[in-house]
Structure formats: structure tokens, C-alpha cells
């Protein structure tokens, strides 16, 4: 029975403690991120790992944080790509609306456009006027 314990202990590799092993681990992570096309994880792993260590996060929490950062960054890059591919003549954003140029339009009215509920309820929208100064009417 003592022979079984000894055999089992020999199969478990020792923890990677010295700096040479850490360099090898970083190289493996970097190459895997390149192969799997995970640029955000590759760029932010040190920062997220430091935060996880400071907060004593579990392995699953650390992995979730890495994946969440990658997904959020991919979504942001996707939005930017779609806007770029749309070839709009000028960027137009609700946040850039100039309320001082049309005092009849309230921030609440423009803010309502950010909520897709008016689309889902099949409400019409008409913007009249020069770009950026339109007056929404229903």
C-alpha cells in the first residue's frame, strides 16, 4: 500500500515556482492566444491575473474575467467594424446631439431613441431638419 502512495506522488508534477518556468508559461499562453485569436486576453492577462491574485479569486472567476474581457472587446470591435463598413458620410450618435441648436427637443426625447421599445411597439419616428438638429415627432 505504501508503494501505491509513492507511485501516485511521483506522477504529480511539482508546482512551477522558479522564474524560468514562469517565462515558459508566459510563452505558452502568448502562443495559445495567438493561435486561438484572443488578442484581449493576450494583452490583458497580466493585469487581470494581478487583480485576481489581489482579490483572491477562484480559478473559475479568473477565467470568467478573462473571457468576459475578450467578449466585451470583441463586441466593441464588431460595432466599430459594422459602422466602418456601413460607410456613413459622417458619424452620428445620440450622445452628440446638439440640444442648444433646437430647444424644442429635450434630452429625454432623444434618450428615448436609445431604448428599442419604440421599435418593438412599431411606433413611427420622423427626424426633420439639418443633420444633428432634427426634431423627433410621432
N, C-alpha and C. Protein backbone atom coordinates (compact mmCIF):
# COMPACT_ATOMS: atom_id res chain seq x y z
N UNK A 1 0.82 -1.18 0.00
CA UNK A 1 0.00 0.00 0.00
C UNK A 1 0.86 1.25 0.00
N UNK A 2 1.96 1.25 0.70
CA UNK A 2 2.85 2.42 0.70
C UNK A 2 3.47 2.62 -0.67
N UNK A 3 3.61 1.53 -1.43
CA UNK A 3 4.15 1.65 -2.78
C UNK A 3 3.19 2.41 -3.70
N UNK A 4 1.90 2.24 -3.51
CA UNK A 4 0.90 2.94 -4.30
C UNK A 4 0.96 4.44 -4.05
N UNK A 5 1.10 4.83 -2.79
CA UNK A 5 1.20 6.26 -2.45
C UNK A 5 2.42 6.88 -3.09
N UNK A 6 3.54 6.19 -3.04
CA UNK A 6 4.78 6.71 -3.61
C UNK A 6 4.62 6.87 -5.12
N UNK A 7 4.02 5.88 -5.77
CA UNK A 7 3.83 5.95 -7.21
C UNK A 7 2.92 7.11 -7.57
N UNK A 8 1.87 7.32 -6.80
CA UNK A 8 0.94 8.40 -7.06
C UNK A 8 1.62 9.75 -6.91
N UNK A 9 2.43 9.90 -5.91
CA UNK A 9 3.12 11.16 -5.67
C UNK A 9 4.10 11.49 -6.79
N UNK A 10 4.72 10.49 -7.38
CA UNK A 10 5.69 10.74 -8.43
C UNK A 10 5.02 11.23 -9.71
N UNK A 11 3.77 10.89 -9.93
CA UNK A 11 3.07 11.28 -11.15
C UNK A 11 2.65 12.75 -11.13
N UNK A 12 2.46 13.32 -9.98
CA UNK A 12 2.02 14.71 -9.87
C UNK A 12 3.23 15.61 -10.07
N UNK A 13 3.19 16.48 -11.09
CA UNK A 13 4.33 17.37 -11.31
C UNK A 13 4.41 18.43 -10.21
N UNK A 14 5.61 18.85 -9.90
CA UNK A 14 5.76 19.88 -8.87
C UNK A 14 5.22 21.21 -9.39
N UNK A 15 4.80 22.09 -8.51
CA UNK A 15 4.30 23.39 -8.98
C UNK A 15 5.42 24.19 -9.65
N UNK A 16 5.05 24.99 -10.63
CA UNK A 16 6.03 25.82 -11.33
C UNK A 16 6.37 27.00 -10.45
N UNK A 17 7.54 26.98 -9.88
CA UNK A 17 7.89 28.02 -8.93
C UNK A 17 9.01 28.93 -9.42
N UNK A 18 9.98 28.40 -10.12
CA UNK A 18 11.10 29.27 -10.48
C UNK A 18 10.77 30.13 -11.70
N UNK A 19 11.53 31.19 -11.90
CA UNK A 19 11.24 32.16 -12.94
C UNK A 19 11.40 31.59 -14.34
N UNK A 20 12.27 30.63 -14.52
CA UNK A 20 12.45 30.03 -15.84
C UNK A 20 11.16 29.36 -16.28
N UNK A 21 10.50 28.67 -15.36
CA UNK A 21 9.22 28.04 -15.67
C UNK A 21 8.15 29.09 -15.95
N UNK A 22 8.16 30.21 -15.22
CA UNK A 22 7.18 31.28 -15.44
C UNK A 22 7.33 31.86 -16.84
N UNK A 23 8.56 32.02 -17.29
CA UNK A 23 8.79 32.50 -18.66
C UNK A 23 8.24 31.53 -19.68
N UNK A 24 8.40 30.25 -19.42
CA UNK A 24 7.86 29.23 -20.33
C UNK A 24 6.33 29.27 -20.32
N UNK A 25 5.74 29.47 -19.16
CA UNK A 25 4.28 29.55 -19.06
C UNK A 25 3.78 30.76 -19.84
N UNK A 26 4.43 31.89 -19.69
CA UNK A 26 4.02 33.10 -20.42
C UNK A 26 4.13 32.89 -21.92
N UNK A 27 5.17 32.19 -22.36
CA UNK A 27 5.34 31.91 -23.78
C UNK A 27 4.21 31.02 -24.29
N UNK A 28 3.87 30.00 -23.53
CA UNK A 28 2.78 29.09 -23.92
C UNK A 28 1.46 29.86 -24.00
N UNK A 29 1.19 30.70 -23.00
CA UNK A 29 -0.05 31.49 -23.00
C UNK A 29 -0.08 32.42 -24.21
N UNK A 30 1.04 33.11 -24.46
CA UNK A 30 1.11 34.03 -25.59
C UNK A 30 0.87 33.32 -26.91
N UNK A 31 1.52 32.19 -27.11
CA UNK A 31 1.35 31.43 -28.36
C UNK A 31 -0.07 30.89 -28.49
N UNK A 32 -0.64 30.41 -27.40
CA UNK A 32 -2.02 29.90 -27.45
C UNK A 32 -2.99 31.02 -27.79
N UNK A 33 -2.79 32.20 -27.21
CA UNK A 33 -3.67 33.33 -27.51
C UNK A 33 -3.55 33.75 -28.97
N UNK A 34 -2.34 33.67 -29.52
CA UNK A 34 -2.17 33.99 -30.94
C UNK A 34 -2.88 32.96 -31.81
N UNK A 35 -2.70 31.68 -31.48
CA UNK A 35 -3.30 30.60 -32.26
C UNK A 35 -4.83 30.66 -32.20
N UNK A 36 -5.36 30.94 -31.02
CA UNK A 36 -6.81 30.96 -30.83
C UNK A 36 -7.43 32.32 -31.13
N UNK A 37 -6.62 33.28 -31.54
CA UNK A 37 -7.08 34.63 -31.87
C UNK A 37 -7.79 35.27 -30.67
N UNK A 38 -7.07 35.39 -29.58
CA UNK A 38 -7.58 36.00 -28.35
C UNK A 38 -6.71 37.21 -27.99
N UNK A 39 -6.80 38.30 -28.76
CA UNK A 39 -5.89 39.42 -28.54
C UNK A 39 -6.09 40.14 -27.21
N UNK A 40 -7.31 40.21 -26.72
CA UNK A 40 -7.55 40.91 -25.47
C UNK A 40 -6.97 40.13 -24.30
N UNK A 41 -7.17 38.83 -24.29
CA UNK A 41 -6.58 38.02 -23.22
C UNK A 41 -5.07 38.15 -23.27
N UNK A 42 -4.51 38.08 -24.46
CA UNK A 42 -3.06 38.19 -24.64
C UNK A 42 -2.55 39.53 -24.10
N UNK A 43 -3.29 40.60 -24.35
CA UNK A 43 -2.86 41.92 -23.93
C UNK A 43 -3.11 42.20 -22.45
N UNK A 44 -4.15 41.60 -21.88
CA UNK A 44 -4.56 41.98 -20.53
C UNK A 44 -4.37 40.91 -19.47
N UNK A 45 -3.75 39.79 -19.82
CA UNK A 45 -3.67 38.68 -18.86
C UNK A 45 -2.91 39.07 -17.59
N UNK A 46 -1.83 39.82 -17.72
CA UNK A 46 -1.06 40.20 -16.53
C UNK A 46 -1.89 41.07 -15.60
N UNK A 47 -2.60 42.04 -16.17
CA UNK A 47 -3.45 42.94 -15.39
C UNK A 47 -4.57 42.17 -14.70
N UNK A 48 -5.24 41.30 -15.44
CA UNK A 48 -6.36 40.55 -14.87
C UNK A 48 -5.86 39.52 -13.86
N UNK A 49 -4.71 38.93 -14.11
CA UNK A 49 -4.13 37.96 -13.16
C UNK A 49 -3.75 38.67 -11.86
N UNK A 50 -3.18 39.87 -11.97
CA UNK A 50 -2.81 40.61 -10.76
C UNK A 50 -4.05 40.96 -9.94
N UNK A 51 -5.11 41.37 -10.61
CA UNK A 51 -6.37 41.67 -9.92
C UNK A 51 -6.93 40.42 -9.26
N UNK A 52 -6.88 39.30 -9.95
CA UNK A 52 -7.40 38.04 -9.40
C UNK A 52 -6.60 37.62 -8.16
N UNK A 53 -5.29 37.80 -8.22
CA UNK A 53 -4.46 37.45 -7.05
C UNK A 53 -4.77 38.37 -5.88
N UNK A 54 -4.90 39.66 -6.17
CA UNK A 54 -5.19 40.64 -5.12
C UNK A 54 -6.53 40.35 -4.45
N UNK A 55 -7.51 39.95 -5.28
CA UNK A 55 -8.86 39.69 -4.76
C UNK A 55 -9.04 38.23 -4.33
N UNK A 56 -7.99 37.44 -4.49
CA UNK A 56 -8.04 36.01 -4.15
C UNK A 56 -9.19 35.31 -4.86
N UNK A 57 -9.31 35.58 -6.15
CA UNK A 57 -10.37 34.98 -6.96
C UNK A 57 -10.11 33.50 -7.18
N UNK A 58 -11.16 32.76 -7.40
CA UNK A 58 -11.02 31.35 -7.73
C UNK A 58 -10.55 31.24 -9.18
N UNK A 59 -10.13 30.05 -9.59
CA UNK A 59 -9.71 29.84 -10.97
C UNK A 59 -10.85 30.13 -11.94
N UNK A 60 -12.05 29.71 -11.55
CA UNK A 60 -13.21 29.94 -12.41
C UNK A 60 -13.51 31.44 -12.54
N UNK A 61 -13.40 32.18 -11.44
CA UNK A 61 -13.63 33.62 -11.51
C UNK A 61 -12.58 34.29 -12.40
N UNK A 62 -11.33 33.87 -12.27
CA UNK A 62 -10.25 34.40 -13.10
C UNK A 62 -10.52 34.12 -14.58
N UNK A 63 -10.91 32.88 -14.87
CA UNK A 63 -11.22 32.51 -16.26
C UNK A 63 -12.42 33.31 -16.76
N UNK A 64 -13.43 33.46 -15.93
CA UNK A 64 -14.62 34.23 -16.32
C UNK A 64 -14.25 35.68 -16.62
N UNK A 65 -13.36 36.27 -15.81
CA UNK A 65 -12.93 37.64 -16.05
C UNK A 65 -12.18 37.76 -17.37
N UNK A 66 -11.31 36.79 -17.66
CA UNK A 66 -10.58 36.80 -18.93
C UNK A 66 -11.54 36.72 -20.11
N UNK A 67 -12.46 35.77 -20.04
CA UNK A 67 -13.40 35.57 -21.15
C UNK A 67 -14.36 36.75 -21.29
N UNK A 68 -14.77 37.32 -20.18
CA UNK A 68 -15.65 38.48 -20.23
C UNK A 68 -14.95 39.67 -20.91
N UNK A 69 -13.68 39.88 -20.58
CA UNK A 69 -12.92 40.97 -21.21
C UNK A 69 -12.79 40.72 -22.71
N UNK A 70 -12.51 39.48 -23.10
CA UNK A 70 -12.37 39.15 -24.53
C UNK A 70 -13.70 39.37 -25.25
N UNK A 71 -14.79 38.91 -24.67
CA UNK A 71 -16.11 39.08 -25.31
C UNK A 71 -16.49 40.55 -25.43
N UNK A 72 -16.26 41.33 -24.39
CA UNK A 72 -16.60 42.75 -24.43
C UNK A 72 -15.78 43.47 -25.50
N UNK A 73 -14.51 43.15 -25.59
CA UNK A 73 -13.66 43.79 -26.58
C UNK A 73 -14.07 43.38 -27.99
N UNK A 74 -14.40 42.11 -28.16
CA UNK A 74 -14.86 41.64 -29.49
C UNK A 74 -16.14 42.36 -29.90
N UNK A 75 -17.07 42.54 -28.95
CA UNK A 75 -18.32 43.22 -29.26
C UNK A 75 -18.04 44.67 -29.66
N UNK A 76 -17.14 45.33 -28.96
CA UNK A 76 -16.80 46.72 -29.29
C UNK A 76 -16.15 46.80 -30.67
N UNK A 77 -15.22 45.88 -30.96
CA UNK A 77 -14.59 45.86 -32.29
C UNK A 77 -15.61 45.55 -33.37
N UNK A 78 -16.57 44.69 -33.08
CA UNK A 78 -17.63 44.35 -34.04
C UNK A 78 -18.46 45.58 -34.37
N UNK A 79 -18.85 46.34 -33.34
CA UNK A 79 -19.62 47.55 -33.56
C UNK A 79 -18.85 48.54 -34.42
N UNK A 80 -17.58 48.73 -34.10
CA UNK A 80 -16.75 49.65 -34.88
C UNK A 80 -16.63 49.19 -36.33
N UNK A 81 -16.46 47.88 -36.52
CA UNK A 81 -16.34 47.35 -37.88
C UNK A 81 -17.63 47.57 -38.67
N UNK A 82 -18.78 47.31 -38.04
CA UNK A 82 -20.05 47.48 -38.73
C UNK A 82 -20.29 48.94 -39.12
N UNK A 83 -19.96 49.85 -38.24
CA UNK A 83 -20.11 51.27 -38.56
C UNK A 83 -19.16 51.66 -39.70
N UNK A 84 -17.94 51.17 -39.63
CA UNK A 84 -16.97 51.46 -40.70
C UNK A 84 -17.43 50.88 -42.04
N UNK A 85 -17.95 49.66 -42.03
CA UNK A 85 -18.41 49.02 -43.26
C UNK A 85 -19.68 49.67 -43.82
N UNK A 86 -20.45 50.33 -42.98
CA UNK A 86 -21.67 51.00 -43.44
C UNK A 86 -21.35 52.23 -44.30
N UNK A 87 -20.13 52.73 -44.20
CA UNK A 87 -19.69 53.88 -44.99
C UNK A 87 -20.60 55.10 -44.83
N UNK A 88 -20.98 55.39 -43.60
CA UNK A 88 -21.76 56.60 -43.35
C UNK A 88 -20.91 57.81 -43.72
N UNK A 89 -21.55 58.86 -44.28
CA UNK A 89 -20.77 60.03 -44.66
C UNK A 89 -20.13 60.73 -43.45
N UNK A 90 -20.85 60.77 -42.33
CA UNK A 90 -20.33 61.33 -41.09
C UNK A 90 -20.89 60.52 -39.94
N UNK A 91 -20.12 60.36 -38.88
CA UNK A 91 -20.67 59.63 -37.73
C UNK A 91 -21.78 60.43 -37.06
N UNK A 92 -22.83 59.74 -36.69
CA UNK A 92 -23.96 60.37 -35.99
C UNK A 92 -24.28 59.52 -34.76
N UNK A 93 -24.24 60.14 -33.61
CA UNK A 93 -24.53 59.43 -32.38
C UNK A 93 -25.52 60.23 -31.55
N UNK A 94 -26.38 59.54 -30.83
CA UNK A 94 -27.35 60.23 -29.98
C UNK A 94 -26.63 61.08 -28.94
N UNK A 95 -25.48 60.61 -28.47
CA UNK A 95 -24.72 61.35 -27.46
C UNK A 95 -24.20 62.68 -27.99
N UNK A 96 -24.09 62.81 -29.31
CA UNK A 96 -23.55 64.03 -29.91
C UNK A 96 -24.64 65.02 -30.32
N UNK A 97 -25.89 64.72 -30.03
CA UNK A 97 -26.99 65.59 -30.43
C UNK A 97 -26.82 66.96 -29.77
N UNK A 98 -27.00 68.03 -30.54
CA UNK A 98 -26.81 69.40 -30.06
C UNK A 98 -28.15 69.99 -29.64
N UNK A 99 -28.45 69.89 -28.36
CA UNK A 99 -29.74 70.36 -27.83
C UNK A 99 -29.86 71.87 -27.90
N UNK A 100 -28.75 72.57 -27.80
CA UNK A 100 -28.80 74.04 -27.83
C UNK A 100 -29.22 74.58 -29.20
N UNK A 101 -29.06 73.76 -30.25
CA UNK A 101 -29.44 74.20 -31.58
C UNK A 101 -30.93 74.02 -31.86
N UNK A 102 -31.60 73.25 -31.03
CA UNK A 102 -33.04 73.06 -31.18
C UNK A 102 -33.66 72.91 -29.79
N UNK A 103 -34.08 74.03 -29.19
CA UNK A 103 -34.61 73.97 -27.83
C UNK A 103 -35.92 73.20 -27.70
N UNK A 104 -36.57 72.87 -28.82
CA UNK A 104 -37.83 72.11 -28.76
C UNK A 104 -37.60 70.63 -28.50
N UNK A 105 -36.36 70.19 -28.62
CA UNK A 105 -36.04 68.77 -28.42
C UNK A 105 -35.40 68.62 -27.04
N UNK A 106 -35.98 67.75 -26.23
CA UNK A 106 -35.47 67.54 -24.87
C UNK A 106 -34.52 66.34 -24.85
N UNK A 107 -33.59 66.33 -23.89
CA UNK A 107 -32.70 65.17 -23.74
C UNK A 107 -33.48 63.87 -23.50
N UNK A 108 -34.61 63.97 -22.83
CA UNK A 108 -35.41 62.78 -22.57
C UNK A 108 -35.97 62.21 -23.87
N UNK A 109 -36.38 63.11 -24.77
CA UNK A 109 -36.94 62.68 -26.04
C UNK A 109 -35.89 61.93 -26.87
N UNK A 110 -34.69 62.49 -26.91
CA UNK A 110 -33.61 61.85 -27.66
C UNK A 110 -33.16 60.57 -26.95
N UNK A 111 -33.14 60.61 -25.62
CA UNK A 111 -32.76 59.42 -24.85
C UNK A 111 -33.71 58.25 -25.09
N UNK A 112 -34.98 58.57 -25.36
CA UNK A 112 -35.96 57.52 -25.63
C UNK A 112 -35.61 56.75 -26.90
N UNK A 113 -34.87 57.38 -27.81
CA UNK A 113 -34.48 56.69 -29.04
C UNK A 113 -33.46 55.58 -28.79
N UNK A 114 -32.73 55.68 -27.69
CA UNK A 114 -31.74 54.65 -27.36
C UNK A 114 -32.41 53.36 -26.90
N UNK A 115 -33.64 53.46 -26.43
CA UNK A 115 -34.38 52.28 -25.98
C UNK A 115 -35.16 51.71 -27.18
N UNK A 116 -34.92 50.46 -27.53
CA UNK A 116 -35.59 49.91 -28.71
C UNK A 116 -37.08 49.63 -28.52
N UNK A 117 -37.64 49.99 -27.38
CA UNK A 117 -39.06 49.72 -27.12
C UNK A 117 -39.95 50.38 -28.16
N UNK A 118 -39.59 51.58 -28.63
CA UNK A 118 -40.42 52.26 -29.63
C UNK A 118 -40.42 51.52 -30.95
N UNK A 119 -39.33 50.81 -31.25
CA UNK A 119 -39.27 49.99 -32.46
C UNK A 119 -40.13 48.75 -32.27
N UNK A 120 -39.97 48.10 -31.13
CA UNK A 120 -40.74 46.89 -30.84
C UNK A 120 -42.24 47.15 -30.81
N UNK A 121 -42.63 48.36 -30.38
CA UNK A 121 -44.06 48.67 -30.35
C UNK A 121 -44.54 49.27 -31.68
N UNK A 122 -43.66 49.27 -32.66
CA UNK A 122 -43.97 49.72 -34.03
C UNK A 122 -44.42 51.18 -34.09
N UNK A 123 -43.75 52.01 -33.31
CA UNK A 123 -44.03 53.44 -33.33
C UNK A 123 -43.20 54.11 -34.42
N UNK A 124 -43.78 55.04 -35.17
CA UNK A 124 -43.02 55.72 -36.22
C UNK A 124 -42.09 56.77 -35.63
N UNK A 125 -41.09 57.15 -36.39
CA UNK A 125 -40.16 58.20 -35.98
C UNK A 125 -39.83 59.01 -37.21
N UNK A 126 -39.89 60.33 -37.06
CA UNK A 126 -39.57 61.23 -38.16
C UNK A 126 -38.61 62.28 -37.63
N UNK A 127 -37.44 62.41 -38.23
CA UNK A 127 -36.48 63.44 -37.85
C UNK A 127 -36.47 64.47 -38.96
N UNK A 128 -36.77 65.71 -38.61
CA UNK A 128 -36.87 66.76 -39.60
C UNK A 128 -35.83 67.83 -39.29
N UNK A 129 -35.09 68.25 -40.28
CA UNK A 129 -34.13 69.33 -40.10
C UNK A 129 -32.75 68.92 -40.55
N UNK A 130 -31.80 69.85 -40.39
CA UNK A 130 -30.43 69.57 -40.74
C UNK A 130 -29.86 68.47 -39.84
N UNK A 131 -28.83 67.83 -40.31
CA UNK A 131 -28.21 66.75 -39.57
C UNK A 131 -27.76 67.24 -38.20
N UNK A 132 -28.19 66.48 -37.17
CA UNK A 132 -27.80 66.80 -35.80
C UNK A 132 -28.73 67.77 -35.10
N UNK A 133 -29.68 68.34 -35.82
CA UNK A 133 -30.59 69.32 -35.21
C UNK A 133 -32.05 68.95 -35.43
N UNK A 134 -32.31 67.73 -35.84
CA UNK A 134 -33.67 67.31 -36.16
C UNK A 134 -34.59 67.35 -34.98
N UNK A 135 -35.86 67.39 -35.27
CA UNK A 135 -36.87 67.41 -34.24
C UNK A 135 -37.69 66.14 -34.33
N UNK A 136 -37.54 65.20 -33.37
CA UNK A 136 -38.32 63.96 -33.44
C UNK A 136 -39.80 64.25 -33.19
N UNK A 137 -40.60 63.70 -34.06
CA UNK A 137 -42.06 63.82 -33.89
C UNK A 137 -42.69 62.46 -34.09
N UNK A 138 -43.79 62.23 -33.47
CA UNK A 138 -44.50 60.95 -33.64
C UNK A 138 -45.86 61.18 -34.23
